[in-house]
Amino acid sequence: MSDAAAGARSFWAPQAWLVGGWRDGVLLRADSSGHWAEVAGGVATPPEGAQVLGGPVLPPLVDAHSHAFQRAMAGLAERREAGEDDFWSWRDRMYGVALRITPEQLRAVAAQLYVELLRGGYTQVCEFHYLQHRPDGRPYDDPLALSWALADAAQDAGLGLTLLPVLYERAGFAQPALRDDQRRFKTDAEAVARLAAGVRAAGRPRVGAGLAIHSLRAAAPDSIRALCRLAEGIEGPLHIHVAEQVGEVADCLKATGARPIEWLVRQGVLDARWQLVHATHAEPHEIESVARSGAGVVICPATEANLGDGLTDLPRWLAEGVPISIGSDSQVTRSWVEELRWLEYGQRLALRQRNVGAEPGVQPATAARLFDAALAASAAPAGLARWGLVAGARADFLVLDPQDASLLGVPASHRLDALVFTSPGDAIRDVYVAGKRVVAERRHAAQDAIAARFAEAMRALWETDAGAPVSDPP
C-alpha cells in the first residue's frame, strides 16, 4: 500500500470498526489539526482524492499505565535462585534499574518501547512517572529532565504522551520517609503540581499532563488531600496504584481501618478524573462504590500475571459499568491484543468457564465486549475529550492485514475474535497518528536507529566495567 499525495487527509476503508461492529465502506476525513472531522459508513466507493486503505481499520487503544524505564528489565527478572519470589522481591530488583538509568538512556529505552507500543496497537501512552532525580537523589538543574527524556522519546516514535508526575514520599504506611533505594522518587504535592504545570506550559504537540499518587502506602493522607486540592484548578486525570497486593490491603487495614479503595471512597474525592490502577483485590461493595463515583480502573493483565498479583473481579467490574482501560505497566507485553487475551484467559482459569467477558443477549462476542470497553474508557486516563473513530477525536487508526496468519480465511464477522484469541499473528500492518502513517508495512521509519540506541543503553546498564554481563538485575 502506498500513500496518496503528501498531506492527504481523507481515507476510505473497505471496512472499519464503528460503534461496536464492522461497517462497510467507511470514509474517514481529518481536519488540518489532525482530528476527525467526519466518520461515515456506507460510502460504497472511495471519493475522489481519498486514500484507499488496503485492509480493515480498527481504532487504536490508549496504553493507560506505563513505566517506560522498566522496559530495560523485561525478561531479566525471570529466575529464582533461592527462597520465594513475589512482587516485593521483584520490586527490589526493579529499583536497581531505577538507580542506574540516565536521562539519555531513559530516552533510548522509552523510544524503543514506544515504537513497540505503536506496533502493538497503542497510539497514546500514559506515563506513571516517578523517576525524578539524579541517581544520588539530588534534583536535576531542570526538575523536568527525565520528563523531557520521555517526551523526546515520544516525539522520536511519533505517538501521544500523557505525563503523570507522581506523589511519592514514604516507604510504607508505618514509615515516615523513603528508603535509600527510593531516593530518585521523592516528591510532595506542590512539586507534583509544578511538574505537571511545566509540562503543560511547554506546549509540546501531543504531550499532555495529569497528576498521580503512587499508592496509599507511599503518600500520607494529608499529602493526598493537598494534591486533591491542587487538582481542583487543573485539567487532567488523576491516577493511583491501589489494592494491587494482598499485603498492601492488609497494611492499609491496619493503618487506617479501611481497605484501600474503601479509604479513597470515604474521602469523597473520586470522580470521572480518577483512574484506579490494578484494583486487583476489590470487594463487591468497593466495586459498587467506584461505579457510583464515576471513576475508572486500569487493569494490566500481563504485568499482574508476571508479578503474581492475582486476578480482579472482571465480571463484577463489567456488570457495574465501571470504565475499564488497559495498561502495559512493566512492559513484559507491549500489545493490547495480548493484554485482552490475558484479561479473559485469567478469568477462564480462575472460574473454569469460557467467554467470561461476553454478555449474552447484548454482546456475545468476548473480544468485542472487552475491546469496546477498553476503547470507551481510553480517553479519560489520557485526559482527552474523545477517542476512537469519532468526530473530534485525534485521527489515529490501525490497518489490519487480512492475509496475516491470525486472520487468514476468517469471516469478517469473527475477525476481532480471531485477532484476540488466536496466535501467533502480526496482523497490525499500518499505524496512523493524527492522520500521519508512523508504521508502514509493520516497520517504523526510525526503528533501526532507535533499536541501535536501545541496544547501546542496555549494554551500558547491564554490563560491568570489564564488559561481563550482569547476571541478574541488582
Foldseek 3Di string as FASTA:
>chain_A
DDWDPPPQFKAWEQWEQDPLAIAGTWIFGFDPQQFTADIDGPNHDDDPRHHYFDFYWYFFFEQLEAAQLLLLCQVFAPDDPDDDAFLVNVVVLVLLSLLDDDLLLSLLSLLLLLLLLLLQRHQEYEYADQQFDHSQLHGDPPRCSNVVSNVVSCVSQVGAYEYAQEAFAADFLPTRGHDSSSSRRHDFLVRRLVNQVVQVVVVDPRYHYDYEYAAPTGDDPVRVVVNLVVCVPPFAAYEYEFLQAPVNQVRCCVRPVHGRLVVVLVVVRAACRYEHEQCADPDLVSLLSNLVRNHAYEHAQVVSVVRVRHGHPVLSNVVSPHQYAYHPYSVNDSHVLARLLSNQVSCCVVVVDHLSQADPPPGRQSLSSVVVSNQVNRQSSRSHPHGISDGPHRNKMFGWDCCWPQNPPPPSRCRSVSSNPDDDTSTGQWIDTSSHTQHHRNHGPCNVVSVVSNVVSSQVSAADPVSHGNSHRD
